[in-house]
């Protein structure tokens, strides 16, 4: 049976425990002052993590395939221009009607651009008056110049984006009725216009024929020269390609002559 500790023994054990704790604290203090503070060791990042940036995905928004969006407050939103009528009166009797069928369903573009009240159905059914022509077609069909086509008062034009490529100049569309009236005033009538067109076509054909005859004459000239050279070589029995062999003509002459083809050259002696 274990003996119980007396009060003196318990007191002595407690004193020894306190002394041991004090010695441990003193030892730790000496070691802390002797050693330098340890620096934290940084891990070396890989090549993939050197240019890493952290983004807050909750604040990001779609910028349409990476393009920078313009600030809507600084630049107004670009919208497609739509032609609309300014005022439409409530009274049907005062409303403009189609000049062909008296319809109220007018084409807005023809009315705003060309000042012609006509409906879409009549535009398709009467192409001789209401079809649209490009600038090139207007010059070819009615023999008008660029300066005449710039007259916006008499020849209003409808500018549209070029359908072939958006970076090219806008496409200019003219109304056939306006072009025909302008051409009649310029040439005196449609018969005179046809006569001028026929005259220009005849001159164009004559220029082609003159150019063709000139090219044929040059070809014949070259052919005659080649034929003469061929006969000369056959007569002198000269090969097609040979090396000239020159000999002096006379004693005091400065000329030399090829013994094969008869080519004569002048030689200067220094």
Protein backbone atom coordinates (compact mmCIF):
# COMPACT_ATOMS: atom_id res chain seq x y z
CA UNK A 1 0.00 0.00 0.00
CA UNK A 2 1.42 3.37 -1.22
CA UNK A 3 2.31 5.87 1.38
CA UNK A 4 0.70 9.27 1.19
CA UNK A 5 2.95 12.33 0.72
CA UNK A 6 3.31 14.65 3.60
CA UNK A 7 2.75 18.37 3.31
CA UNK A 8 6.49 19.09 3.38
CA UNK A 9 7.08 16.69 0.49
CA UNK A 10 4.27 18.22 -1.63
CA UNK A 11 5.66 21.71 -1.02
CA UNK A 12 9.17 20.63 -2.06
CA UNK A 13 7.83 19.02 -5.30
CA UNK A 14 6.01 22.22 -6.20
CA UNK A 15 9.16 24.30 -5.64
CA UNK A 16 11.19 21.94 -7.90
CA UNK A 17 8.55 22.18 -10.67
CA UNK A 18 8.66 26.00 -10.59
CA UNK A 19 12.45 26.02 -10.72
CA UNK A 20 12.40 23.67 -13.73
CA UNK A 21 9.94 25.94 -15.58
CA UNK A 22 12.10 29.00 -14.89
CA UNK A 23 15.20 27.22 -16.25
CA UNK A 24 13.27 26.21 -19.40
CA UNK A 25 12.16 29.79 -20.01
CA UNK A 26 15.70 31.09 -19.55
CA UNK A 27 17.07 28.51 -22.01
CA UNK A 28 14.45 29.49 -24.64
CA UNK A 29 15.26 33.19 -24.22
CA UNK A 30 19.00 32.57 -24.77
CA UNK A 31 18.40 30.51 -27.91
CA UNK A 32 16.02 33.13 -29.39
CA UNK A 33 18.54 35.94 -28.98
CA UNK A 34 21.44 33.88 -30.40
CA UNK A 35 19.74 32.66 -33.64
CA UNK A 36 18.68 35.17 -36.38
CA UNK A 37 15.01 35.22 -37.24
CA UNK A 38 14.17 32.64 -39.88
CA UNK A 39 12.70 33.97 -43.16
CA UNK A 40 9.79 32.28 -44.73
CA UNK A 41 10.83 30.20 -47.71
CA UNK A 42 9.02 31.27 -50.91
CA UNK A 43 7.99 28.64 -53.35
CA UNK A 44 9.28 29.10 -56.91
CA UNK A 45 6.49 29.42 -59.39
CA UNK A 46 6.38 27.73 -62.78
CA UNK A 47 6.43 29.52 -66.14
CA UNK A 48 2.69 29.15 -66.43
CA UNK A 49 2.09 30.94 -63.12
CA UNK A 50 4.55 33.86 -63.49
CA UNK A 51 2.08 36.04 -65.48
CA UNK A 52 -0.99 35.07 -63.58
CA UNK A 53 -3.63 37.72 -62.85
CA UNK A 54 -6.59 37.19 -60.67
CA UNK A 55 -9.91 38.55 -61.93
CA UNK A 56 -13.20 38.94 -60.24
CA UNK A 57 -15.48 37.07 -62.60
CA UNK A 58 -18.60 38.34 -60.89
CA UNK A 59 -17.89 41.89 -62.06
CA UNK A 60 -17.00 40.97 -65.65
CA UNK A 61 -19.43 41.15 -68.58
CA UNK A 62 -19.45 39.94 -72.15
CA UNK A 63 -17.61 42.44 -74.38
CA UNK A 64 -18.55 40.80 -77.69
CA UNK A 65 -15.58 38.63 -78.71
CA UNK A 66 -12.96 40.67 -76.87
CA UNK A 67 -13.62 44.02 -78.56
CA UNK A 68 -13.65 47.13 -76.41
CA UNK A 69 -17.14 48.45 -75.93
CA UNK A 70 -17.68 52.16 -76.27
CA UNK A 71 -19.15 54.01 -73.39
CA UNK A 72 -22.83 54.48 -74.23
CA UNK A 73 -22.86 57.80 -72.36
CA UNK A 74 -20.01 59.25 -74.44
CA UNK A 75 -20.98 57.89 -77.86
CA UNK A 76 -24.65 57.50 -78.81
CA UNK A 77 -25.83 54.13 -79.99
CA UNK A 78 -25.59 53.69 -83.75
CA UNK A 79 -28.86 52.62 -85.22
CA UNK A 80 -29.97 51.93 -88.73
CA UNK A 81 -31.58 54.92 -90.35
CA UNK A 82 -35.21 54.17 -91.17
CA UNK A 83 -37.15 56.34 -93.58
CA UNK A 84 -40.48 57.38 -92.15
CA UNK A 85 -43.09 59.91 -93.13
CA UNK A 86 -43.03 63.12 -91.11
CA UNK A 87 -46.76 63.64 -90.75
CA UNK A 88 -49.65 61.50 -91.84
CA UNK A 89 -52.94 63.45 -91.90
CA UNK A 90 -56.02 61.82 -90.48
CA UNK A 91 -58.21 62.94 -93.37
CA UNK A 92 -57.88 60.39 -96.23
CA UNK A 93 -58.90 63.01 -98.80
CA UNK A 94 -55.77 65.12 -98.10
CA UNK A 95 -53.38 62.14 -98.07
CA UNK A 96 -51.12 61.55 -101.06
CA UNK A 97 -52.11 58.59 -103.18
CA UNK A 98 -50.35 56.44 -105.71
CA UNK A 99 -50.26 58.14 -109.09
CA UNK A 100 -50.98 54.85 -110.86
CA UNK A 101 -53.62 53.04 -108.79
CA UNK A 102 -54.62 55.68 -106.16
CA UNK A 103 -53.50 53.40 -103.34
CA UNK A 104 -52.70 54.82 -99.90
CA UNK A 105 -49.93 52.29 -99.25
CA UNK A 106 -47.07 54.41 -100.64
CA UNK A 107 -43.41 53.48 -100.77
CA UNK A 108 -41.67 55.67 -98.18
CA UNK A 109 -38.26 55.68 -99.92
CA UNK A 110 -39.67 56.81 -103.28
CA UNK A 111 -41.72 59.51 -101.60
CA UNK A 112 -38.91 60.83 -99.38
CA UNK A 113 -36.00 60.57 -101.83
CA UNK A 114 -37.52 61.00 -105.30
CA UNK A 115 -40.72 62.88 -104.29
CA UNK A 116 -42.75 60.34 -106.28
CA UNK A 117 -45.96 58.99 -104.68
CA UNK A 118 -46.14 55.40 -105.85
CA UNK A 119 -46.89 52.08 -104.18
CA UNK A 120 -44.72 48.99 -104.17
CA UNK A 121 -47.09 47.06 -106.44
CA UNK A 122 -46.90 49.69 -109.19
CA UNK A 123 -43.10 49.89 -108.86
CA UNK A 124 -42.85 46.20 -109.71
CA UNK A 125 -45.53 46.30 -112.43
CA UNK A 126 -44.18 49.42 -114.26
CA UNK A 127 -40.37 48.98 -114.39
CA UNK A 128 -40.04 51.29 -117.43
CA UNK A 129 -40.76 54.28 -115.17
CA UNK A 130 -39.95 53.30 -111.61
CA UNK A 131 -36.95 50.97 -111.85
CA UNK A 132 -33.68 52.10 -110.25
CA UNK A 133 -30.42 52.42 -112.19
CA UNK A 134 -26.89 52.69 -110.88
CA UNK A 135 -24.54 55.47 -111.92
CA UNK A 136 -22.77 53.26 -114.46
CA UNK A 137 -26.04 52.11 -116.00
CA UNK A 138 -27.27 55.71 -116.23
CA UNK A 139 -24.13 56.76 -118.10
CA UNK A 140 -24.30 53.79 -120.49
CA UNK A 141 -28.06 53.83 -121.21
CA UNK A 142 -28.71 57.58 -121.41
CA UNK A 143 -25.21 58.89 -122.30
CA UNK A 144 -25.01 61.27 -119.35
CA UNK A 145 -21.80 62.65 -117.86
CA UNK A 146 -20.62 62.72 -114.26
CA UNK A 147 -21.26 66.46 -114.00
CA UNK A 148 -24.87 66.05 -115.15
CA UNK A 149 -25.48 63.24 -112.68
CA UNK A 150 -24.33 65.51 -109.83
CA UNK A 151 -27.38 67.77 -110.32
CA UNK A 152 -29.34 66.79 -107.22
CA UNK A 153 -32.23 69.14 -107.92
CA UNK A 154 -33.13 67.51 -111.21
CA UNK A 155 -31.70 64.06 -110.54
CA UNK A 156 -32.25 63.09 -106.90
CA UNK A 157 -30.22 60.09 -105.83
CA UNK A 158 -30.68 57.37 -103.24
CA UNK A 159 -27.41 56.42 -101.55
CA UNK A 160 -27.19 52.87 -100.24
CA UNK A 161 -24.28 50.82 -98.86
CA UNK A 162 -22.34 49.00 -101.53
CA UNK A 163 -23.58 45.38 -101.67
CA UNK A 164 -20.26 44.06 -103.00
CA UNK A 165 -18.02 45.42 -100.22
CA UNK A 166 -18.86 47.67 -97.29
CA UNK A 167 -15.55 49.59 -97.51
CA UNK A 168 -16.25 50.80 -101.07
CA UNK A 169 -18.14 53.98 -101.91
CA UNK A 170 -21.89 54.05 -101.50
CA UNK A 171 -24.05 52.88 -104.37
CA UNK A 172 -25.94 55.71 -106.13
CA UNK A 173 -29.43 54.81 -107.44
CA UNK A 174 -31.35 57.01 -109.90
CA UNK A 175 -34.99 56.78 -110.96
CA UNK A 176 -35.41 55.79 -114.60
CA UNK A 177 -38.21 58.31 -115.11
CA UNK A 178 -35.96 61.21 -114.07
CA UNK A 179 -33.06 59.98 -116.21
CA UNK A 180 -35.25 59.57 -119.27
CA UNK A 181 -36.71 63.09 -118.91
CA UNK A 182 -33.21 64.56 -118.53
CA UNK A 183 -31.93 62.64 -121.58
CA UNK A 184 -34.87 63.77 -123.73
CA UNK A 185 -34.14 67.39 -122.83
CA UNK A 186 -30.43 66.94 -123.56
CA UNK A 187 -30.61 65.03 -126.87
CA UNK A 188 -33.99 66.27 -128.11
CA UNK A 189 -35.86 62.98 -127.93
CA UNK A 190 -35.48 59.23 -127.64
CA UNK A 191 -34.87 58.83 -131.40
CA UNK A 192 -31.99 61.29 -131.25
CA UNK A 193 -30.65 59.42 -128.23
CA UNK A 194 -30.76 56.14 -130.20
CA UNK A 195 -28.99 57.83 -133.11
CA UNK A 196 -26.23 59.15 -130.84
CA UNK A 197 -25.86 55.71 -129.30
CA UNK A 198 -25.59 54.10 -132.77
CA UNK A 199 -23.02 56.70 -133.86
CA UNK A 200 -20.85 56.04 -130.81
CA UNK A 201 -21.10 52.29 -131.35
CA UNK A 202 -20.02 52.76 -134.98
CA UNK A 203 -17.03 54.87 -133.93
CA UNK A 204 -16.13 52.29 -131.32
CA UNK A 205 -16.25 49.51 -133.92
CA UNK A 206 -14.14 51.58 -136.33
CA UNK A 207 -11.50 52.15 -133.65
CA UNK A 208 -11.39 48.42 -133.02
CA UNK A 209 -10.96 47.71 -136.73
CA UNK A 210 -8.18 50.31 -137.09
CA UNK A 211 -6.38 48.82 -134.11
CA UNK A 212 -6.78 45.33 -135.55
CA UNK A 213 -5.47 46.40 -138.98
CA UNK A 214 -2.49 48.10 -137.36
CA UNK A 215 -1.61 44.96 -135.40
CA UNK A 216 -1.98 42.83 -138.57
CA UNK A 217 0.31 45.20 -140.51
CA UNK A 218 2.95 45.01 -137.80
CA UNK A 219 2.66 41.22 -137.77
CA UNK A 220 3.08 41.07 -141.57
CA UNK A 221 6.10 43.36 -141.36
CA UNK A 222 7.74 41.13 -138.79
CA UNK A 223 6.87 38.08 -140.88
CA UNK A 224 8.46 39.60 -144.02
CA UNK A 225 11.64 40.41 -142.09
CA UNK A 226 11.80 36.89 -140.69
CA UNK A 227 11.15 35.42 -144.16
CA UNK A 228 13.89 37.57 -145.71
CA UNK A 229 16.33 36.54 -142.96
CA UNK A 230 15.46 32.88 -143.48
CA UNK A 231 16.01 33.07 -147.27
CA UNK A 232 19.26 34.94 -146.74
CA UNK A 233 20.55 32.23 -144.43
CA UNK A 234 19.52 29.52 -146.91
CA UNK A 235 21.21 31.36 -149.79
CA UNK A 236 24.45 31.85 -147.87
CA UNK A 237 24.12 28.44 -146.17
CA UNK A 238 24.43 30.01 -142.74
CA UNK A 239 23.58 28.06 -139.63
CA UNK A 240 20.94 29.40 -137.30
CA UNK A 241 23.51 30.13 -134.57
CA UNK A 242 27.24 30.40 -135.27
CA UNK A 243 30.35 32.12 -133.98
CA UNK A 244 31.58 35.02 -136.12
CA UNK A 245 35.00 34.65 -137.68
CA UNK A 246 36.24 38.06 -138.82
CA UNK A 247 39.03 38.85 -141.24
CA UNK A 248 40.39 42.21 -142.37
CA UNK A 249 39.21 43.73 -145.62
CA UNK A 250 42.31 44.98 -147.39
CA UNK A 251 45.57 45.99 -145.82
CA UNK A 252 44.89 49.55 -144.60
CA UNK A 253 41.12 49.21 -143.98
CA UNK A 254 39.69 49.33 -140.42
CA UNK A 255 36.77 47.09 -141.39
CA UNK A 256 36.46 43.39 -140.76
CA UNK A 257 34.06 40.93 -142.35
CA UNK A 258 32.67 37.64 -141.06
CA UNK A 259 33.64 34.77 -143.36
CA UNK A 260 30.38 32.87 -142.60
CA UNK A 261 27.54 35.41 -142.72
CA UNK A 262 29.26 38.46 -144.20
CA UNK A 263 28.69 40.75 -141.20
CA UNK A 264 30.93 43.85 -141.46
CA UNK A 265 32.19 45.75 -138.39
CA UNK A 266 34.57 48.65 -137.86
CA UNK A 267 37.61 48.18 -135.63
CA UNK A 268 39.72 50.92 -134.09
CA UNK A 269 43.33 50.27 -133.14
CA UNK A 270 44.82 52.15 -130.18
